[in-house]
């Protein structure tokens, strides 16, 4: 019995230039800091956006779930 071997495709790694990876890293950090601010810091009454409680109420349950004090 003879077996026919088929060539397997060789996987090549994705090469990302340093400039693009730095751009992705900075963007990710900025988005993470914005999410942290809105969930962990923004209290509504002392908000950067005035006394608007919309953001506070939108993330209210997530704030308690993650252990941030709220009221």
PDB file of N, CA and C in Angstrom:
ATOM      1  N   UNK A   1       0.817  -1.164   0.000  1.00  0.00           N
ATOM      2  CA  UNK A   1       0.000   0.000   0.000  1.00  0.00           C
ATOM      3  C   UNK A   1       0.875   1.246   0.000  1.00  0.00           C
ATOM      4  N   UNK A   2       0.588   2.144  -0.853  1.00  0.00           N
ATOM      5  CA  UNK A   2       1.366   3.365  -0.872  1.00  0.00           C
ATOM      6  C   UNK A   2       0.490   4.513  -0.405  1.00  0.00           C
ATOM      7  N   UNK A   3       1.092   5.424   0.293  1.00  0.00           N
ATOM      8  CA  UNK A   3       0.350   6.595   0.752  1.00  0.00           C
ATOM      9  C   UNK A   3       0.889   7.824   0.038  1.00  0.00           C
ATOM     10  N   UNK A   4      -0.027   8.665  -0.323  1.00  0.00           N
ATOM     11  CA  UNK A   4       0.352   9.902  -0.997  1.00  0.00           C
ATOM     12  C   UNK A   4       0.351  11.014   0.045  1.00  0.00           C
ATOM     13  N   UNK A   5       1.460  11.649   0.195  1.00  0.00           N
ATOM     14  CA  UNK A   5       1.539  12.742   1.170  1.00  0.00           C
ATOM     15  C   UNK A   5       1.279  14.062   0.460  1.00  0.00           C
ATOM     16  N   UNK A   6       0.417  14.817   1.034  1.00  0.00           N
ATOM     17  CA  UNK A   6       0.132  16.138   0.481  1.00  0.00           C
ATOM     18  C   UNK A   6       0.929  17.172   1.261  1.00  0.00           C
ATOM     19  N   UNK A   7       1.452  18.144   0.574  1.00  0.00           N
ATOM     20  CA  UNK A   7       2.228  19.166   1.291  1.00  0.00           C
ATOM     21  C   UNK A   7       1.304  20.015   2.174  1.00  0.00           C
ATOM     22  N   UNK A   8       1.750  20.231   3.373  1.00  0.00           N
ATOM     23  CA  UNK A   8       0.994  21.063   4.311  1.00  0.00           C
ATOM     24  C   UNK A   8       1.384  22.523   4.129  1.00  0.00           C
ATOM     25  N   UNK A   9       0.405  23.400   4.188  1.00  0.00           N
ATOM     26  CA  UNK A   9       0.760  24.825   4.071  1.00  0.00           C
ATOM     27  C   UNK A   9       1.542  25.280   5.305  1.00  0.00           C
ATOM     28  N   UNK A  10       2.529  26.072   5.054  1.00  0.00           N
ATOM     29  CA  UNK A  10       3.368  26.587   6.139  1.00  0.00           C
ATOM     30  C   UNK A  10       2.740  27.874   6.650  1.00  0.00           C
ATOM     31  N   UNK A  11       2.501  27.936   7.957  1.00  0.00           N
ATOM     32  CA  UNK A  11       1.929  29.158   8.529  1.00  0.00           C
ATOM     33  C   UNK A  11       3.040  30.170   8.767  1.00  0.00           C
ATOM     34  N   UNK A  12       2.755  31.392   8.403  1.00  0.00           N
ATOM     35  CA  UNK A  12       3.731  32.456   8.610  1.00  0.00           C
ATOM     36  C   UNK A  12       3.166  33.436   9.635  1.00  0.00           C
ATOM     37  N   UNK A  13       3.984  33.936  10.527  1.00  0.00           N
ATOM     38  CA  UNK A  13       3.497  34.879  11.533  1.00  0.00           C
ATOM     39  C   UNK A  13       3.159  36.234  10.904  1.00  0.00           C
ATOM     40  N   UNK A  14       2.241  36.925  11.547  1.00  0.00           N
ATOM     41  CA  UNK A  14       1.889  38.261  11.099  1.00  0.00           C
ATOM     42  C   UNK A  14       2.935  39.231  11.643  1.00  0.00           C
ATOM     43  N   UNK A  15       3.534  39.972  10.771  1.00  0.00           N
ATOM     44  CA  UNK A  15       4.560  40.933  11.170  1.00  0.00           C
ATOM     45  C   UNK A  15       3.924  42.315  11.198  1.00  0.00           C
ATOM     46  N   UNK A  16       3.933  42.931  12.364  1.00  0.00           N
ATOM     47  CA  UNK A  16       3.342  44.257  12.537  1.00  0.00           C
ATOM     48  C   UNK A  16       4.468  45.252  12.782  1.00  0.00           C
ATOM     49  N   UNK A  17       4.544  46.296  11.984  1.00  0.00           N
ATOM     50  CA  UNK A  17       5.603  47.291  12.198  1.00  0.00           C
ATOM     51  C   UNK A  17       5.469  47.955  13.573  1.00  0.00           C
ATOM     52  N   UNK A  18       6.576  48.403  14.107  1.00  0.00           N
ATOM     53  CA  UNK A  18       6.597  49.016  15.433  1.00  0.00           C
ATOM     54  C   UNK A  18       5.702  50.251  15.479  1.00  0.00           C
ATOM     55  N   UNK A  19       5.696  51.042  14.424  1.00  0.00           N
ATOM     56  CA  UNK A  19       4.884  52.259  14.425  1.00  0.00           C
ATOM     57  C   UNK A  19       3.396  51.933  14.540  1.00  0.00           C
ATOM     58  N   UNK A  20       2.944  50.888  13.862  1.00  0.00           N
ATOM     59  CA  UNK A  20       1.533  50.499  13.966  1.00  0.00           C
ATOM     60  C   UNK A  20       1.218  49.905  15.330  1.00  0.00           C
ATOM     61  N   UNK A  21       2.131  49.133  15.880  1.00  0.00           N
ATOM     62  CA  UNK A  21       1.870  48.539  17.183  1.00  0.00           C
ATOM     63  C   UNK A  21       1.826  49.600  18.280  1.00  0.00           C
ATOM     64  N   UNK A  22       2.651  50.629  18.170  1.00  0.00           N
ATOM     65  CA  UNK A  22       2.611  51.727  19.140  1.00  0.00           C
ATOM     66  C   UNK A  22       1.293  52.475  19.019  1.00  0.00           C
ATOM     67  N   UNK A  23       0.829  52.675  17.801  1.00  0.00           N
ATOM     68  CA  UNK A  23      -0.442  53.343  17.569  1.00  0.00           C
ATOM     69  C   UNK A  23      -1.592  52.547  18.192  1.00  0.00           C
ATOM     70  N   UNK A  24      -1.592  51.226  18.001  1.00  0.00           N
ATOM     71  CA  UNK A  24      -2.625  50.370  18.592  1.00  0.00           C
ATOM     72  C   UNK A  24      -2.543  50.393  20.123  1.00  0.00           C
ATOM     73  N   UNK A  25      -1.336  50.389  20.666  1.00  0.00           N
ATOM     74  CA  UNK A  25      -1.163  50.411  22.117  1.00  0.00           C
ATOM     75  C   UNK A  25      -1.673  51.719  22.710  1.00  0.00           C
ATOM     76  N   UNK A  26      -1.345  52.837  22.102  1.00  0.00           N
ATOM     77  CA  UNK A  26      -1.799  54.137  22.604  1.00  0.00           C
ATOM     78  C   UNK A  26      -3.319  54.247  22.515  1.00  0.00           C
ATOM     79  N   UNK A  27      -3.895  53.807  21.411  1.00  0.00           N
ATOM     80  CA  UNK A  27      -5.346  53.832  21.264  1.00  0.00           C
ATOM     81  C   UNK A  27      -6.050  52.974  22.299  1.00  0.00           C
ATOM     82  N   UNK A  28      -5.510  51.787  22.550  1.00  0.00           N
ATOM     83  CA  UNK A  28      -6.092  50.891  23.544  1.00  0.00           C
ATOM     84  C   UNK A  28      -6.012  51.483  24.940  1.00  0.00           C
ATOM     85  N   UNK A  29      -4.897  52.100  25.273  1.00  0.00           N
ATOM     86  CA  UNK A  29      -4.739  52.719  26.593  1.00  0.00           C
ATOM     87  C   UNK A  29      -5.714  53.880  26.762  1.00  0.00           C
ATOM     88  N   UNK A  30      -5.886  54.698  25.737  1.00  0.00           N
ATOM     89  CA  UNK A  30      -6.826  55.826  25.828  1.00  0.00           C
ATOM     90  C   UNK A  30      -8.263  55.351  26.010  1.00  0.00           C
ATOM     91  N   UNK A  31      -8.656  54.332  25.289  1.00  0.00           N
ATOM     92  CA  UNK A  31     -10.012  53.791  25.440  1.00  0.00           C
ATOM     93  C   UNK A  31     -10.181  53.163  26.821  1.00  0.00           C
ATOM     94  N   UNK A  32      -9.163  52.450  27.298  1.00  0.00           N
ATOM     95  CA  UNK A  32      -9.232  51.838  28.632  1.00  0.00           C
ATOM     96  C   UNK A  32      -9.341  52.901  29.720  1.00  0.00           C
ATOM     97  N   UNK A  33      -8.607  54.002  29.594  1.00  0.00           N
ATOM     98  CA  UNK A  33      -8.699  55.075  30.581  1.00  0.00           C
ATOM     99  C   UNK A  33     -10.069  55.746  30.557  1.00  0.00           C
ATOM    100  N   UNK A  34     -10.652  55.918  29.375  1.00  0.00           N
ATOM    101  CA  UNK A  34     -11.984  56.500  29.277  1.00  0.00           C
ATOM    102  C   UNK A  34     -13.017  55.592  29.928  1.00  0.00           C
ATOM    103  N   UNK A  35     -12.926  54.294  29.679  1.00  0.00           N
ATOM    104  CA  UNK A  35     -13.860  53.340  30.297  1.00  0.00           C
ATOM    105  C   UNK A  35     -13.683  53.338  31.811  1.00  0.00           C
ATOM    106  N   UNK A  36     -12.432  53.352  32.272  1.00  0.00           N
ATOM    107  CA  UNK A  36     -12.173  53.394  33.719  1.00  0.00           C
ATOM    108  C   UNK A  36     -12.769  54.652  34.343  1.00  0.00           C
ATOM    109  N   UNK A  37     -12.631  55.798  33.666  1.00  0.00           N
ATOM    110  CA  UNK A  37     -13.184  57.042  34.203  1.00  0.00           C
ATOM    111  C   UNK A  37     -14.701  56.948  34.314  1.00  0.00           C
ATOM    112  N   UNK A  38     -15.354  56.527  33.235  1.00  0.00           N
ATOM    113  CA  UNK A  38     -16.816  56.510  33.234  1.00  0.00           C
ATOM    114  C   UNK A  38     -17.388  55.497  34.220  1.00  0.00           C
ATOM    115  N   UNK A  39     -16.722  54.364  34.414  1.00  0.00           N
ATOM    116  CA  UNK A  39     -17.248  53.361  35.343  1.00  0.00           C
ATOM    117  C   UNK A  39     -16.767  53.615  36.762  1.00  0.00           C
ATOM    118  N   UNK A  40     -15.511  53.984  36.935  1.00  0.00           N
ATOM    119  CA  UNK A  40     -14.957  54.047  38.278  1.00  0.00           C
ATOM    120  C   UNK A  40     -14.893  55.404  38.934  1.00  0.00           C
ATOM    121  N   UNK A  41     -14.851  56.470  38.176  1.00  0.00           N
ATOM    122  CA  UNK A  41     -14.603  57.778  38.768  1.00  0.00           C
ATOM    123  C   UNK A  41     -15.811  58.703  38.676  1.00  0.00           C
ATOM    124  N   UNK A  42     -16.476  58.721  37.528  1.00  0.00           N
ATOM    125  CA  UNK A  42     -17.580  59.658  37.294  1.00  0.00           C
ATOM    126  C   UNK A  42     -18.716  59.391  38.272  1.00  0.00           C
ATOM    127  N   UNK A  43     -19.014  60.359  39.118  1.00  0.00           N
ATOM    128  CA  UNK A  43     -20.063  60.199  40.136  1.00  0.00           C
ATOM    129  C   UNK A  43     -21.324  60.981  39.802  1.00  0.00           C
ATOM    130  N   UNK A  44     -21.370  61.628  38.665  1.00  0.00           N
ATOM    131  CA  UNK A  44     -22.546  62.402  38.306  1.00  0.00           C
ATOM    132  C   UNK A  44     -22.485  63.810  38.853  1.00  0.00           C
ATOM    133  N   UNK A  45     -22.500  63.978  40.175  1.00  0.00           N
ATOM    134  CA  UNK A  45     -22.497  65.301  40.787  1.00  0.00           C
ATOM    135  C   UNK A  45     -21.153  66.007  40.599  1.00  0.00           C
ATOM    136  N   UNK A  46     -20.057  65.246  40.560  1.00  0.00           N
ATOM    137  CA  UNK A  46     -18.736  65.843  40.384  1.00  0.00           C
ATOM    138  C   UNK A  46     -18.164  65.474  39.016  1.00  0.00           C
ATOM    139  N   UNK A  47     -19.031  65.292  38.060  1.00  0.00           N
ATOM    140  CA  UNK A  47     -18.627  64.868  36.726  1.00  0.00           C
ATOM    141  C   UNK A  47     -17.922  65.989  35.984  1.00  0.00           C
ATOM    142  N   UNK A  48     -17.052  65.616  35.068  1.00  0.00           N
ATOM    143  CA  UNK A  48     -16.390  66.576  34.201  1.00  0.00           C
ATOM    144  C   UNK A  48     -17.414  67.233  33.286  1.00  0.00           C
ATOM    145  N   UNK A  49     -18.501  66.529  33.008  1.00  0.00           N
ATOM    146  CA  UNK A  49     -19.517  66.998  32.073  1.00  0.00           C
ATOM    147  C   UNK A  49     -20.651  67.738  32.760  1.00  0.00           C
ATOM    148  N   UNK A  50     -20.464  68.216  33.976  1.00  0.00           N
ATOM    149  CA  UNK A  50     -21.503  68.939  34.688  1.00  0.00           C
ATOM    150  C   UNK A  50     -22.303  68.000  35.587  1.00  0.00           C
ATOM    151  N   UNK A  51     -23.472  68.437  35.991  1.00  0.00           N
ATOM    152  CA  UNK A  51     -24.288  67.640  36.906  1.00  0.00           C
ATOM    153  C   UNK A  51     -25.236  66.728  36.137  1.00  0.00           C
ATOM    154  N   UNK A  52     -24.721  66.098  35.102  1.00  0.00           N
ATOM    155  CA  UNK A  52     -25.507  65.197  34.268  1.00  0.00           C
ATOM    156  C   UNK A  52     -25.353  63.775  34.802  1.00  0.00           C
ATOM    157  N   UNK A  53     -26.452  63.124  35.115  1.00  0.00           N
ATOM    158  CA  UNK A  53     -26.414  61.793  35.714  1.00  0.00           C
ATOM    159  C   UNK A  53     -26.626  60.672  34.699  1.00  0.00           C
ATOM    160  N   UNK A  54     -26.693  60.986  33.415  1.00  0.00           N
ATOM    161  CA  UNK A  54     -26.977  59.952  32.416  1.00  0.00           C
ATOM    162  C   UNK A  54     -25.892  58.883  32.363  1.00  0.00           C
ATOM    163  N   UNK A  55     -24.640  59.278  32.336  1.00  0.00           N
ATOM    164  CA  UNK A  55     -23.545  58.306  32.270  1.00  0.00           C
ATOM    165  C   UNK A  55     -23.500  57.499  33.557  1.00  0.00           C
ATOM    166  N   UNK A  56     -23.672  58.156  34.684  1.00  0.00           N
ATOM    167  CA  UNK A  56     -23.643  57.473  35.977  1.00  0.00           C
ATOM    168  C   UNK A  56     -24.733  56.406  36.043  1.00  0.00           C
ATOM    169  N   UNK A  57     -25.924  56.738  35.631  1.00  0.00           N
ATOM    170  CA  UNK A  57     -27.018  55.773  35.680  1.00  0.00           C
ATOM    171  C   UNK A  57     -26.836  54.657  34.664  1.00  0.00           C
ATOM    172  N   UNK A  58     -26.212  54.952  33.520  1.00  0.00           N
ATOM    173  CA  UNK A  58     -25.996  53.942  32.503  1.00  0.00           C
ATOM    174  C   UNK A  58     -25.025  52.864  32.974  1.00  0.00           C
ATOM    175  N   UNK A  59     -23.996  53.238  33.731  1.00  0.00           N
ATOM    176  CA  UNK A  59     -22.988  52.270  34.191  1.00  0.00           C
ATOM    177  C   UNK A  59     -23.160  51.925  35.670  1.00  0.00           C
ATOM    178  N   UNK A  60     -24.312  52.241  36.241  1.00  0.00           N
ATOM    179  CA  UNK A  60     -24.537  52.064  37.671  1.00  0.00           C
ATOM    180  C   UNK A  60     -24.348  50.615  38.121  1.00  0.00           C
ATOM    181  N   UNK A  61     -24.965  49.673  37.434  1.00  0.00           N
ATOM    182  CA  UNK A  61     -24.851  48.270  37.837  1.00  0.00           C
ATOM    183  C   UNK A  61     -23.439  47.736  37.632  1.00  0.00           C
ATOM    184  N   UNK A  62     -22.775  48.160  36.568  1.00  0.00           N
ATOM    185  CA  UNK A  62     -21.400  47.724  36.338  1.00  0.00           C
ATOM    186  C   UNK A  62     -20.485  48.241  37.442  1.00  0.00           C
ATOM    187  N   UNK A  63     -20.763  49.442  37.914  1.00  0.00           N
ATOM    188  CA  UNK A  63     -19.969  50.024  38.999  1.00  0.00           C
ATOM    189  C   UNK A  63     -20.068  49.158  40.257  1.00  0.00           C
ATOM    190  N   UNK A  64     -21.282  48.742  40.613  1.00  0.00           N
ATOM    191  CA  UNK A  64     -21.446  47.906  41.797  1.00  0.00           C
ATOM    192  C   UNK A  64     -20.853  46.510  41.567  1.00  0.00           C
ATOM    193  N   UNK A  65     -21.018  45.967  40.374  1.00  0.00           N
ATOM    194  CA  UNK A  65     -20.491  44.645  40.062  1.00  0.00           C
ATOM    195  C   UNK A  65     -18.974  44.611  40.182  1.00  0.00           C
ATOM    196  N   UNK A  66     -18.308  45.692  39.766  1.00  0.00           N
ATOM    197  CA  UNK A  66     -16.851  45.750  39.821  1.00  0.00           C
ATOM    198  C   UNK A  66     -16.308  46.207  41.164  1.00  0.00           C
ATOM    199  N   UNK A  67     -17.204  46.540  42.110  1.00  0.00           N
ATOM    200  CA  UNK A  67     -16.768  46.877  43.464  1.00  0.00           C
ATOM    201  C   UNK A  67     -16.448  48.327  43.701  1.00  0.00           C
ATOM    202  N   UNK A  68     -16.815  49.223  42.806  1.00  0.00           N
ATOM    203  CA  UNK A  68     -16.587  50.643  43.033  1.00  0.00           C
ATOM    204  C   UNK A  68     -17.685  51.190  43.934  1.00  0.00           C
ATOM    205  N   UNK A  69     -17.331  52.037  44.921  1.00  0.00           N
ATOM    206  CA  UNK A  69     -18.365  52.643  45.737  1.00  0.00           C
ATOM    207  C   UNK A  69     -19.158  53.645  44.914  1.00  0.00           C
ATOM    208  N   UNK A  70     -20.413  53.779  45.249  1.00  0.00           N
ATOM    209  CA  UNK A  70     -21.258  54.589  44.391  1.00  0.00           C
ATOM    210  C   UNK A  70     -22.011  55.660  45.185  1.00  0.00           C
ATOM    211  N   UNK A  71     -22.706  55.259  46.233  1.00  0.00           N
ATOM    212  CA  UNK A  71     -23.490  56.248  46.983  1.00  0.00           C
ATOM    213  C   UNK A  71     -23.357  56.007  48.438  1.00  0.00           C
TER     214      UNK A  71
END
